[in-house]
Amino acid sequence: MSDAVIAIGHLFGAAGYAELLRELLREHEERASREPGCRLFHVGVSLSDSDHYVLTQEWDDAAAVAAFLRSATFYDFQRRLTGLLTQDWRYRVYRIRDAVALDEIAPMDPRRAD
């Protein structure tokens, strides 16, 4: 996990374009998740603002993210976003030094006991 990276994107949709933007995001999630080095690609919607979309991604390493950002998949997504957002979207990449899975720290589920 030492080279893995997490990328988080925030997009804010323009009023009246929710259906079109959601379809584009569904398609992008499917396409991006098949890119080399992508471990997870998920699009969610804020519970407090239905026009705020959050893209959560896990990649093998920074090189995989860089390759994705130069890919036809990403270029096409950027092009198709034109006119659908109220502001430039934010994208940040975090290097993962260590990770702990919840099942490694949570109490054992008694239903799983022998």
C-alpha atoms as a PDB file:
ATOM      1  CA  MET A   1       0.000   0.000   0.000  1.00  0.00           C
ATOM      2  CA  SER A   2       3.007   2.306   0.394  1.00  0.00           C
ATOM      3  CA  ASP A   3       2.804   3.775  -3.118  1.00  0.00           C
ATOM      4  CA  ALA A   4      -0.999   4.010  -3.271  1.00  0.00           C
ATOM      5  CA  VAL A   5      -2.724   7.341  -3.705  1.00  0.00           C
ATOM      6  CA  ILE A   6      -6.213   8.592  -2.980  1.00  0.00           C
ATOM      7  CA  ALA A   7      -7.737  11.283  -5.176  1.00  0.00           C
ATOM      8  CA  ILE A   8     -10.785  13.324  -4.212  1.00  0.00           C
ATOM      9  CA  GLY A   9     -12.694  15.566  -6.607  1.00  0.00           C
ATOM     10  CA  HIS A  10     -15.512  18.009  -5.828  1.00  0.00           C
ATOM     11  CA  LEU A  11     -17.906  19.153  -8.540  1.00  0.00           C
ATOM     12  CA  PHE A  12     -20.828  21.565  -8.169  1.00  0.00           C
ATOM     13  CA  GLY A  13     -23.576  21.095 -10.726  1.00  0.00           C
ATOM     14  CA  ALA A  14     -25.505  23.898 -12.389  1.00  0.00           C
ATOM     15  CA  ALA A  15     -29.241  24.116 -11.699  1.00  0.00           C
ATOM     16  CA  GLY A  16     -31.334  22.360 -14.287  1.00  0.00           C
ATOM     17  CA  TYR A  17     -28.575  19.998 -15.432  1.00  0.00           C
ATOM     18  CA  ALA A  18     -28.680  17.411 -12.637  1.00  0.00           C
ATOM     19  CA  GLU A  19     -29.983  14.565 -14.792  1.00  0.00           C
ATOM     20  CA  LEU A  20     -27.449  15.181 -17.565  1.00  0.00           C
ATOM     21  CA  LEU A  21     -24.568  15.590 -15.097  1.00  0.00           C
ATOM     22  CA  ARG A  22     -25.514  12.465 -13.150  1.00  0.00           C
ATOM     23  CA  GLU A  23     -25.602  10.392 -16.337  1.00  0.00           C
ATOM     24  CA  LEU A  24     -22.187  11.743 -17.331  1.00  0.00           C
ATOM     25  CA  LEU A  25     -20.811  10.954 -13.846  1.00  0.00           C
ATOM     26  CA  ARG A  26     -22.241   7.405 -13.942  1.00  0.00           C
ATOM     27  CA  GLU A  27     -20.595   6.832 -17.324  1.00  0.00           C
ATOM     28  CA  HIS A  28     -17.299   8.371 -16.164  1.00  0.00           C
ATOM     29  CA  GLU A  29     -17.274   6.229 -13.016  1.00  0.00           C
ATOM     30  CA  GLU A  30     -17.679   3.099 -15.123  1.00  0.00           C
ATOM     31  CA  ARG A  31     -15.020   4.087 -17.682  1.00  0.00           C
ATOM     32  CA  ALA A  32     -12.478   5.418 -15.177  1.00  0.00           C
ATOM     33  CA  SER A  33     -12.750   2.343 -12.951  1.00  0.00           C
ATOM     34  CA  ARG A  34     -11.375   0.284 -15.874  1.00  0.00           C
ATOM     35  CA  GLU A  35      -8.274   2.467 -16.301  1.00  0.00           C
ATOM     36  CA  PRO A  36      -4.909   0.817 -15.522  1.00  0.00           C
ATOM     37  CA  GLY A  37      -3.951   1.206 -11.863  1.00  0.00           C
ATOM     38  CA  CYS A  38      -7.437   2.151 -10.672  1.00  0.00           C
ATOM     39  CA  ARG A  39      -8.412   0.229  -7.548  1.00  0.00           C
ATOM     40  CA  LEU A  40     -11.615   2.148  -6.814  1.00  0.00           C
ATOM     41  CA  PHE A  41     -13.555   4.928  -8.497  1.00  0.00           C
ATOM     42  CA  HIS A  42     -16.798   6.071  -6.928  1.00  0.00           C
ATOM     43  CA  VAL A  43     -19.046   9.087  -7.392  1.00  0.00           C
ATOM     44  CA  GLY A  44     -21.232  10.181  -4.473  1.00  0.00           C
ATOM     45  CA  VAL A  45     -23.605  13.048  -3.752  1.00  0.00           C
ATOM     46  CA  SER A  46     -23.490  15.246  -0.675  1.00  0.00           C
ATOM     47  CA  LEU A  47     -26.363  14.657   1.751  1.00  0.00           C
ATOM     48  CA  SER A  48     -26.662  18.400   2.418  1.00  0.00           C
ATOM     49  CA  ASP A  49     -26.313  19.665  -1.184  1.00  0.00           C
ATOM     50  CA  SER A  50     -27.640  17.521  -4.025  1.00  0.00           C
ATOM     51  CA  ASP A  51     -25.637  19.565  -6.554  1.00  0.00           C
ATOM     52  CA  HIS A  52     -22.325  18.731  -4.828  1.00  0.00           C
ATOM     53  CA  TYR A  53     -20.713  15.575  -6.222  1.00  0.00           C
ATOM     54  CA  VAL A  54     -17.684  13.876  -4.679  1.00  0.00           C
ATOM     55  CA  LEU A  55     -15.385  11.640  -6.722  1.00  0.00           C
ATOM     56  CA  THR A  56     -13.407   9.226  -4.547  1.00  0.00           C
ATOM     57  CA  GLN A  57     -10.594   7.280  -6.148  1.00  0.00           C
ATOM     58  CA  GLU A  58      -7.849   4.878  -5.105  1.00  0.00           C
ATOM     59  CA  TRP A  59      -4.898   4.306  -7.454  1.00  0.00           C
ATOM     60  CA  ASP A  60      -1.873   2.014  -7.379  1.00  0.00           C
ATOM     61  CA  ASP A  61       0.501   4.984  -7.439  1.00  0.00           C
ATOM     62  CA  ALA A  62       0.951   8.587  -8.562  1.00  0.00           C
ATOM     63  CA  ALA A  63       2.061   7.437 -12.023  1.00  0.00           C
ATOM     64  CA  ALA A  64      -1.322   5.731 -12.552  1.00  0.00           C
ATOM     65  CA  VAL A  65      -3.152   8.951 -11.632  1.00  0.00           C
ATOM     66  CA  ALA A  66      -0.899  10.990 -13.923  1.00  0.00           C
ATOM     67  CA  ALA A  67      -1.557   8.580 -16.796  1.00  0.00           C
ATOM     68  CA  PHE A  68      -5.300   8.771 -16.140  1.00  0.00           C
ATOM     69  CA  LEU A  69      -5.230  12.587 -16.172  1.00  0.00           C
ATOM     70  CA  ARG A  70      -3.614  12.407 -19.645  1.00  0.00           C
ATOM     71  CA  SER A  71      -6.023   9.727 -20.911  1.00  0.00           C
ATOM     72  CA  ALA A  72      -8.752   9.998 -23.523  1.00  0.00           C
ATOM     73  CA  THR A  73     -11.232   8.987 -20.819  1.00  0.00           C
ATOM     74  CA  PHE A  74     -10.377  12.010 -18.676  1.00  0.00           C
ATOM     75  CA  TYR A  75     -10.113  14.392 -21.640  1.00  0.00           C
ATOM     76  CA  ASP A  76     -13.571  13.362 -22.864  1.00  0.00           C
ATOM     77  CA  PHE A  77     -15.006  13.799 -19.353  1.00  0.00           C
ATOM     78  CA  GLN A  78     -13.513  17.304 -19.037  1.00  0.00           C
ATOM     79  CA  ARG A  79     -14.869  18.284 -22.452  1.00  0.00           C
ATOM     80  CA  ARG A  80     -18.372  17.045 -21.652  1.00  0.00           C
ATOM     81  CA  LEU A  81     -18.474  18.927 -18.322  1.00  0.00           C
ATOM     82  CA  THR A  82     -18.546  22.270 -20.162  1.00  0.00           C
ATOM     83  CA  GLY A  83     -21.610  24.237 -19.085  1.00  0.00           C
ATOM     84  CA  LEU A  84     -22.700  21.707 -16.435  1.00  0.00           C
ATOM     85  CA  LEU A  85     -20.850  23.167 -13.429  1.00  0.00           C
ATOM     86  CA  THR A  86     -21.221  26.384 -11.427  1.00  0.00           C
ATOM     87  CA  GLN A  87     -17.483  26.640 -10.700  1.00  0.00           C
ATOM     88  CA  ASP A  88     -14.181  25.017 -11.527  1.00  0.00           C
ATOM     89  CA  TRP A  89     -13.996  21.653  -9.890  1.00  0.00           C
ATOM     90  CA  ARG A  90     -11.415  20.818  -7.246  1.00  0.00           C
ATOM     91  CA  TYR A  91      -9.183  17.757  -7.430  1.00  0.00           C
ATOM     92  CA  ARG A  92      -6.580  16.756  -4.864  1.00  0.00           C
ATOM     93  CA  VAL A  93      -4.305  13.711  -4.720  1.00  0.00           C
ATOM     94  CA  TYR A  94      -3.052  12.290  -1.405  1.00  0.00           C
ATOM     95  CA  ARG A  95      -0.154   9.876  -0.992  1.00  0.00           C
ATOM     96  CA  ILE A  96      -0.962   6.995   1.364  1.00  0.00           C
ATOM     97  CA  ARG A  97       1.798   6.083   3.766  1.00  0.00           C
ATOM     98  CA  ASP A  98      -0.227   3.630   5.815  1.00  0.00           C
ATOM     99  CA  ALA A  99      -3.784   2.318   5.964  1.00  0.00           C
ATOM    100  CA  VAL A 100      -5.749   0.249   8.440  1.00  0.00           C
ATOM    101  CA  ALA A 101      -8.920  -1.584   7.481  1.00  0.00           C
ATOM    102  CA  LEU A 102     -11.832  -1.176   9.871  1.00  0.00           C
ATOM    103  CA  ASP A 103     -12.077  -4.930  10.374  1.00  0.00           C
ATOM    104  CA  GLU A 104      -8.497  -4.841  11.701  1.00  0.00           C
ATOM    105  CA  ILE A 105      -9.396  -2.456  14.543  1.00  0.00           C
ATOM    106  CA  ALA A 106     -13.091  -3.049  15.248  1.00  0.00           C
ATOM    107  CA  PRO A 107     -14.295  -5.536  17.850  1.00  0.00           C
ATOM    108  CA  MET A 108     -15.066  -8.978  16.487  1.00  0.00           C
ATOM    109  CA  ASP A 109     -18.624  -9.522  15.330  1.00  0.00           C
ATOM    110  CA  PRO A 110     -19.990 -12.252  17.644  1.00  0.00           C
ATOM    111  CA  ARG A 111     -21.910 -13.746  14.707  1.00  0.00           C
ATOM    112  CA  ARG A 112     -18.540 -14.654  13.174  1.00  0.00           C
ATOM    113  CA  ALA A 113     -17.283 -16.493  16.260  1.00  0.00           C
ATOM    114  CA  ASP A 114     -16.620 -20.211  15.953  1.00  0.00           C
END
